[in-house]
Protein backbone atom coordinates (compact mmCIF):
# COMPACT_ATOMS: atom_id res chain seq x y z
CA MET A 1 19.35 -17.36 61.02
CA ALA A 2 17.27 -15.74 64.10
CA ARG A 3 20.24 -13.36 64.79
CA LEU A 4 19.97 -12.17 60.91
CA ARG A 5 15.87 -11.93 61.63
CA ARG A 6 16.77 -9.74 64.62
CA GLU A 7 19.06 -7.61 63.22
CA GLU A 8 16.98 -6.82 59.94
CA GLU A 9 14.25 -5.95 62.19
CA ASN A 10 15.95 -3.32 64.13
CA ARG A 11 17.63 -2.03 60.94
CA ALA A 12 14.09 -2.01 59.50
CA TYR A 13 12.80 -0.22 62.80
CA GLU A 14 15.75 2.41 63.17
CA ARG A 15 14.81 3.20 59.24
CA MET A 16 11.33 3.91 60.45
CA VAL A 17 11.95 5.77 63.58
CA GLY A 18 15.44 7.56 63.27
CA PRO A 19 16.39 10.15 60.36
CA PRO A 20 17.69 8.70 56.92
CA ARG A 21 21.75 7.84 57.11
CA LEU A 22 23.77 8.52 54.50
CA GLU A 23 25.97 5.70 53.35
CA THR A 24 28.89 5.89 50.65
CA PHE A 25 29.17 3.44 48.04
CA ALA A 26 32.21 1.83 50.06
CA GLN A 27 30.43 1.78 53.29
CA ARG A 28 27.32 -0.32 51.74
CA PHE A 29 29.50 -2.77 49.75
CA PRO A 30 32.72 -3.12 51.43
CA GLY A 31 34.24 -5.84 49.31
CA ALA A 32 33.65 -3.23 45.94
CA PRO A 33 37.05 -2.10 44.52
CA SER A 34 36.28 1.17 45.41
CA ALA A 35 36.86 0.59 48.94
CA GLY A 36 40.53 0.32 47.63
CA GLY A 37 40.65 4.06 46.81
CA MET A 38 39.30 4.00 43.31
CA SER A 39 36.36 6.15 42.19
CA THR A 40 33.04 4.75 41.35
CA GLU A 41 33.65 5.20 37.46
CA GLN A 42 37.07 3.44 38.02
CA ALA A 43 35.59 0.95 39.77
CA PHE A 44 32.68 -0.07 36.84
CA ALA A 45 35.42 0.12 34.24
CA GLU A 46 37.34 -2.55 36.08
CA ILE A 47 34.77 -5.03 36.77
CA ASN A 48 33.35 -4.47 33.32
CA ARG A 49 36.67 -4.53 31.82
CA PRO A 50 36.70 -6.78 28.42
CA LEU A 51 38.50 -10.34 28.54
CA LYS A 52 40.65 -11.29 26.02
CA GLU A 53 38.52 -13.71 24.39
CA ASP A 54 35.54 -11.09 24.57
CA GLU A 55 37.41 -8.71 22.56
CA GLY A 56 36.86 -10.80 19.32
CA PRO A 57 39.68 -10.45 15.97
CA ALA A 58 42.28 -7.99 16.74
CA GLU A 59 42.29 -6.64 13.27
CA ILE A 60 39.40 -5.72 11.10
CA SER A 61 40.38 -4.93 7.71
CA MET A 62 39.44 -1.84 5.88
CA LYS A 63 38.01 -3.75 2.97
CA GLU A 64 35.30 -5.32 5.10
CA VAL A 65 34.29 -2.25 6.81
CA ASN A 66 33.96 -0.47 3.27
CA ARG A 67 32.14 -3.69 2.13
CA GLN A 68 29.71 -3.77 4.70
CA LEU A 69 29.19 0.28 4.62
CA THR A 70 28.48 -0.22 0.96
CA VAL A 71 26.13 -2.88 2.05
CA VAL A 72 24.23 -0.74 4.43
CA PHE A 73 24.18 2.26 2.02
CA ASN A 74 22.54 0.34 -0.98
CA VAL A 75 20.19 -1.04 1.42
CA LEU A 76 18.96 2.28 2.38
CA VAL A 77 19.17 3.94 -1.20
CA SER A 78 17.14 1.24 -2.30
CA ILE A 79 14.16 1.40 0.56
CA PHE A 80 14.15 5.19 0.24
CA GLY A 81 13.96 5.06 -3.62
CA VAL A 82 11.26 2.31 -3.59
CA ALA A 83 9.00 4.59 -1.22
CA ALA A 84 9.86 7.78 -3.30
CA THR A 85 8.57 5.93 -6.49
CA MET A 86 5.61 4.97 -4.87
CA TRP A 87 4.91 8.36 -3.17
CA PHE A 88 4.63 9.67 -7.13
CA ALA A 89 3.13 6.71 -8.39
CA THR A 90 0.18 7.38 -5.84
CA ARG A 91 -0.24 10.83 -6.01
CA TRP A 92 -4.10 10.71 -7.10
CA ARG A 93 -4.68 9.11 -3.71
CA PRO A 94 -5.14 10.65 -0.77
CA ALA A 95 -2.05 11.52 1.88
CA THR A 96 -3.06 8.61 4.75
CA GLU A 97 -3.19 6.11 1.97
CA ARG A 98 0.07 7.18 -0.47
CA VAL A 99 1.76 7.25 2.99
CA LEU A 100 0.39 3.56 3.51
CA TRP A 101 1.55 2.39 -0.07
CA CYS A 102 4.83 3.92 0.68
CA LEU A 103 5.33 2.03 3.95
CA PHE A 104 4.28 -1.22 2.36
CA ALA A 105 6.72 -0.74 -0.17
CA ALA A 106 9.52 0.33 1.93
CA ILE A 107 8.69 -2.91 4.21
CA LEU A 108 8.60 -5.28 1.35
CA THR A 109 11.86 -3.85 -0.35
CA ALA A 110 13.49 -4.41 3.16
CA VAL A 111 12.62 -7.84 3.52
CA ALA A 112 13.58 -8.71 -0.40
CA ASP A 113 16.99 -6.74 0.43
CA ALA A 114 17.64 -9.31 4.00
CA VAL A 115 16.56 -11.86 1.89
CA ILE A 116 19.40 -11.57 -0.95
CA TYR A 117 21.51 -10.14 1.56
CA SER A 118 21.37 -13.64 4.06
CA GLY A 119 21.49 -15.66 0.35
CA VAL A 120 24.88 -13.79 -0.76
CA LEU A 121 26.42 -13.73 2.90
CA GLY A 122 25.76 -17.61 2.78
CA ASN A 123 27.52 -18.51 -0.27
CA MET A 124 30.47 -16.19 0.78
CA LEU A 125 30.77 -18.23 4.00
CA GLY A 126 30.93 -21.58 2.25
CA GLU A 127 27.52 -22.53 2.31
CA PRO A 128 26.31 -22.86 -0.97
CA MET A 129 22.44 -23.66 -1.96
CA LYS A 130 21.99 -27.15 -1.83
CA LYS A 131 21.70 -27.97 -5.85
CA LYS A 132 20.28 -31.24 -6.93
CA SER A 133 23.03 -32.81 -8.81
CA LYS A 134 21.28 -35.74 -11.73
CA SER A 135 22.91 -39.10 -11.47
CA GLU A 136 24.39 -40.41 -14.89
CA VAL A 137 23.71 -43.99 -15.08
CA ARG A 138 25.74 -45.54 -18.18
CA GLU A 139 24.46 -48.22 -19.76
CA ILE A 140 26.01 -50.64 -22.70
CA VAL A 141 23.42 -50.88 -25.83
CA ASN A 142 25.70 -52.41 -28.70
CA THR A 143 29.02 -53.71 -29.07
CA TRP A 144 31.11 -55.12 -31.94
CA GLU A 145 34.85 -56.34 -32.54
CA VAL A 146 37.59 -53.98 -33.71
CA GLY A 147 39.19 -55.56 -36.75
CA GLY A 148 37.17 -56.35 -39.45
CA GLU A 149 38.45 -59.83 -40.00
CA GLY A 150 38.77 -63.37 -38.00
CA LYS A 151 41.27 -65.90 -37.39
CA GLU A 152 41.99 -66.78 -41.31
CA GLY A 153 40.67 -63.81 -43.44
CA GLU A 154 37.09 -64.15 -42.98
CA PRO A 155 35.00 -61.42 -42.38
CA VAL A 156 33.57 -61.29 -38.98
CA GLU A 157 29.52 -61.59 -38.78
CA PRO A 158 27.95 -59.28 -36.52
CA VAL A 159 27.15 -60.22 -32.82
CA ASP A 160 23.99 -60.06 -31.39
CA GLU A 161 25.15 -60.74 -27.56
CA PRO A 162 26.42 -57.54 -25.97
CA LYS A 163 30.01 -58.11 -25.46
CA HIS A 164 32.00 -55.84 -22.77
CA SER A 165 35.24 -54.77 -24.60
CA ASP A 166 36.76 -51.24 -24.80
CA ALA A 167 34.86 -50.55 -27.94
CA SER A 168 31.70 -50.24 -26.38
CA VAL A 169 29.07 -47.60 -27.15
CA LEU A 170 27.43 -46.13 -24.05
CA ARG A 171 24.13 -44.64 -24.01
CA ARG A 172 23.74 -41.80 -20.97
CA ARG A 173 20.53 -41.61 -18.94
CA ASN A 174 19.32 -38.95 -16.52
CA LYS A 175 17.06 -41.40 -14.48
CA PRO A 176 18.27 -44.71 -12.99
CA PRO A 177 16.62 -47.59 -14.24
CA LEU A 178 13.92 -49.12 -12.36
């Protein structure tokens, strides 16, 4: 460590006393790729070359590109359209106030477009908005026996107690019982 400090102090002293020494990139950074005969631009390109996993999807469909360009165009048209409408709607105001109204309307439109687009994009990606589903509760209200006669041809009296059978009448409620 002491040796490195002495060498650095000597280099600093030489820089102060002597004329500036011109170094090439290869002299300054001997381990860099440019020392192997490459130019600085080639070395930079080689170091910053994207890896296979950084490249993203291999193929982007023209349908996707067209959809994205259409969305950008529609957003810009709506922003400029609202700003122009505000400009004409505030024609009796001074110019500075008109500009502020136009700017406010354009920003409000941009925010609204962003919210709408994020909602549409969320639905397209399979993240639909959470909807509250009403639970359906079925309860037996009244029962009766199918057939009209008893064992020996006698009519059957209506039953007051609810029985569970296939011919049950069901009433539906949207709220669960308390």
